Amino acid sequence: MIGSTETTIPRGRPQRPAGPYCAGVHADQIAEDFPVVTVDTGAHVAAQLLAEHQLPGLVVTDESGEPYAVLPASQVVRFIVPSYVQDDPSLAGVIDESMADHCADRLGDKTVRDVLPEHLADVPTVNADDTIIEVAAIMARMRSPLLAVVKDGQLHGVITASRLLAAALQH
């Protein structure tokens, strides 16, 4: 456990023989341990997890532990950069270092819920027995850096884009 509102999904997946085109590889086989936060976790805590573990994003659960959303690291970065700089990146050159040092302060008392845009509220999930091709199709369609793997209605693990690519290239 990383903190009071964060958890890590346990590992221990059965291995199945791989078939042609990865058809024998299933989501539960490539799912991995991953920090998970709740919608009420502090945004600063989430940002620290993303930075310290160099993660592409975090799975966010609701109060009951059900997958709720994926929070991409890019969304947290977007939240700390002032909107006028996002609108006109040339303005970034006029921000002095003291102001830049305080950009992360915008996370302050915010929660993950506060930095999560509404369009990201649907968590991309796959079933534990989905094939690697089904997983890849969902990841591509959702344009998400990671997917939650669900088994018997519970969060079972996470598949990152890099993990999916490694599995696909291995076979």
Protein backbone atom coordinates (compact mmCIF):
# COMPACT_ATOMS: atom_id res chain seq x y z
CA MET A 1 0.00 0.00 0.00
CA ILE A 2 1.39 3.37 -1.00
CA GLY A 3 -0.77 5.55 1.23
CA SER A 4 -4.09 5.58 2.98
CA THR A 5 -6.10 6.10 -0.20
CA GLU A 6 -3.81 4.33 -2.62
CA THR A 7 -3.44 0.63 -3.25
CA THR A 8 -1.47 -1.63 -5.54
CA ILE A 9 -3.15 -4.39 -7.51
CA PRO A 10 -1.60 -7.79 -6.62
CA ARG A 11 -0.02 -10.04 -9.23
CA GLY A 12 -0.08 -13.78 -9.72
CA ARG A 13 -1.55 -14.56 -13.11
CA PRO A 14 -1.73 -18.07 -14.58
CA GLN A 15 0.37 -18.58 -17.68
CA ARG A 16 -1.27 -19.92 -20.83
CA PRO A 17 0.55 -21.00 -23.97
CA ALA A 18 0.54 -18.33 -26.67
CA GLY A 19 -1.00 -19.07 -30.04
CA PRO A 20 -0.50 -17.41 -33.42
CA TYR A 21 -1.03 -13.64 -33.46
CA CYS A 22 -1.11 -13.61 -29.66
CA ALA A 23 -4.58 -15.19 -29.70
CA GLY A 24 -3.61 -17.37 -26.73
CA VAL A 25 -2.47 -14.42 -24.61
CA HIS A 26 -5.14 -12.96 -22.37
CA ALA A 27 -5.43 -9.72 -20.45
CA ASP A 28 -4.91 -11.36 -17.06
CA GLN A 29 -1.54 -12.68 -18.22
CA ILE A 30 -0.11 -9.28 -19.07
CA ALA A 31 -1.83 -7.27 -16.34
CA GLU A 32 0.64 -5.90 -13.82
CA ASP A 33 0.87 -4.36 -10.37
CA PHE A 34 0.01 -0.71 -10.47
CA PRO A 35 -0.71 2.10 -8.03
CA VAL A 36 -4.39 2.91 -7.83
CA VAL A 37 -5.90 6.07 -6.34
CA THR A 38 -9.43 7.07 -5.42
CA VAL A 39 -11.31 10.11 -6.66
CA ASP A 40 -10.73 11.65 -3.22
CA THR A 41 -6.94 11.19 -3.22
CA GLY A 42 -5.06 14.48 -3.18
CA ALA A 43 -4.03 15.62 -6.66
CA HIS A 44 -0.55 16.37 -5.35
CA VAL A 45 -0.23 12.76 -4.09
CA ALA A 46 -1.32 11.47 -7.50
CA ALA A 47 1.20 13.74 -9.22
CA GLN A 48 3.96 12.45 -6.94
CA LEU A 49 3.05 8.83 -7.76
CA LEU A 50 3.12 9.59 -11.47
CA ALA A 51 6.49 11.33 -11.22
CA GLU A 52 8.23 8.96 -8.80
CA HIS A 53 7.20 5.80 -10.62
CA GLN A 54 7.35 7.33 -14.12
CA LEU A 55 3.83 6.16 -14.86
CA PRO A 56 1.79 7.02 -17.97
CA GLY A 57 -1.30 7.40 -15.82
CA LEU A 58 -3.22 6.08 -12.84
CA VAL A 59 -6.37 4.04 -12.49
CA VAL A 60 -8.86 5.94 -10.36
CA THR A 61 -11.51 4.12 -8.35
CA ASP A 62 -14.69 5.46 -6.79
CA GLU A 63 -15.51 5.23 -3.11
CA SER A 64 -16.60 1.59 -3.47
CA GLY A 65 -13.35 0.52 -5.18
CA GLU A 66 -14.89 0.18 -8.65
CA PRO A 67 -12.77 1.47 -11.57
CA TYR A 68 -13.94 5.01 -12.30
CA ALA A 69 -11.42 6.62 -14.66
CA VAL A 70 -7.89 6.69 -15.96
CA LEU A 71 -5.95 9.83 -15.08
CA PRO A 72 -3.21 10.30 -17.69
CA ALA A 73 -0.04 12.02 -16.48
CA SER A 74 -0.50 14.50 -19.32
CA GLN A 75 -3.77 15.66 -17.74
CA VAL A 76 -2.01 16.48 -14.47
CA VAL A 77 0.65 18.39 -16.40
CA ARG A 78 -2.11 20.21 -18.26
CA PHE A 79 -3.75 21.18 -14.96
CA ILE A 80 -0.58 22.79 -13.58
CA VAL A 81 0.20 24.81 -16.71
CA PRO A 82 -1.78 28.07 -16.78
CA SER A 83 -4.46 28.08 -19.48
CA TYR A 84 -3.06 31.22 -21.13
CA VAL A 85 0.25 29.37 -21.68
CA GLN A 86 -1.62 26.38 -23.12
CA ASP A 87 -3.43 28.74 -25.48
CA ASP A 88 -0.19 30.45 -26.53
CA PRO A 89 2.93 28.36 -25.77
CA SER A 90 5.19 31.28 -26.73
CA LEU A 91 4.17 32.86 -23.41
CA ALA A 92 6.04 30.09 -21.57
CA GLY A 93 9.25 31.95 -22.40
CA VAL A 94 8.20 34.98 -20.37
CA ILE A 95 7.42 33.06 -17.19
CA ASP A 96 10.27 33.52 -14.76
CA GLU A 97 11.69 30.65 -12.70
CA SER A 98 10.05 31.72 -9.45
CA MET A 99 6.64 31.57 -11.09
CA ALA A 100 7.46 28.27 -12.79
CA ASP A 101 8.52 26.83 -9.44
CA HIS A 102 5.01 27.45 -8.14
CA CYS A 103 3.06 25.86 -11.01
CA ALA A 104 2.64 22.62 -9.06
CA ASP A 105 1.11 24.66 -6.23
CA ARG A 106 -2.05 24.77 -8.36
CA LEU A 107 -2.63 21.18 -7.21
CA GLY A 108 -2.79 22.45 -3.61
CA ASP A 109 -5.98 21.26 -1.93
CA LYS A 110 -7.37 19.71 -5.13
CA THR A 111 -8.39 16.06 -5.31
CA VAL A 112 -8.08 13.70 -8.25
CA ARG A 113 -11.78 14.34 -8.88
CA ASP A 114 -10.97 18.06 -9.34
CA VAL A 115 -8.29 17.50 -12.00
CA LEU A 116 -10.15 14.76 -13.85
CA PRO A 117 -12.04 16.12 -16.86
CA GLU A 118 -15.56 14.81 -17.40
CA HIS A 119 -14.66 13.19 -20.71
CA LEU A 120 -12.19 10.93 -18.86
CA ALA A 121 -14.77 9.67 -16.37
CA ASP A 122 -15.39 6.45 -18.31
CA VAL A 123 -12.59 4.10 -17.35
CA PRO A 124 -11.44 1.92 -20.21
CA THR A 125 -11.70 -1.65 -18.95
CA VAL A 126 -11.10 -5.07 -20.38
CA ASN A 127 -12.12 -8.47 -19.09
CA ALA A 128 -9.43 -10.76 -17.71
CA ASP A 129 -10.08 -13.32 -20.45
CA ASP A 130 -9.97 -10.83 -23.36
CA THR A 131 -7.28 -11.62 -25.93
CA ILE A 132 -4.34 -9.34 -26.56
CA ILE A 133 -5.93 -8.27 -29.86
CA GLU A 134 -9.17 -7.30 -28.08
CA VAL A 135 -7.11 -5.37 -25.52
CA ALA A 136 -5.16 -3.59 -28.25
CA ALA A 137 -8.36 -2.64 -30.09
CA ILE A 138 -9.89 -1.11 -26.96
CA MET A 139 -6.70 0.74 -26.05
CA ALA A 140 -6.42 2.16 -29.56
CA ARG A 141 -10.08 3.17 -29.72
CA MET A 142 -10.04 4.78 -26.28
CA ARG A 143 -6.62 6.41 -26.83
CA SER A 144 -5.73 5.56 -23.26
CA PRO A 145 -2.19 4.90 -21.99
CA LEU A 146 -3.52 2.11 -19.78
CA LEU A 147 -6.51 -0.14 -19.24
CA ALA A 148 -8.01 -1.62 -16.10
CA VAL A 149 -8.40 -5.40 -16.14
CA VAL A 150 -11.59 -6.56 -14.44
CA LYS A 151 -12.30 -10.09 -13.22
CA ASP A 152 -15.54 -11.03 -11.48
CA GLY A 153 -16.41 -7.32 -11.20
CA GLN A 154 -13.21 -6.49 -9.32
CA LEU A 155 -10.12 -4.62 -10.43
CA HIS A 156 -7.59 -7.36 -11.22
CA GLY A 157 -4.67 -5.41 -12.66
CA VAL A 158 -3.58 -2.83 -15.21
CA ILE A 159 -2.19 -3.07 -18.72
CA THR A 160 -0.02 -0.21 -19.96
CA ALA A 161 0.57 0.54 -23.63
CA SER A 162 4.25 -0.37 -23.24
CA ARG A 163 3.35 -3.69 -21.58
CA LEU A 164 0.90 -4.45 -24.39
CA LEU A 165 3.52 -3.65 -27.02
CA ALA A 166 6.11 -5.83 -25.28
CA ALA A 167 3.67 -8.76 -25.18
CA ALA A 168 2.69 -8.29 -28.83
CA LEU A 169 6.31 -8.05 -30.00
CA GLN A 170 7.33 -11.09 -27.97
CA HIS A 171 5.06 -13.35 -29.99
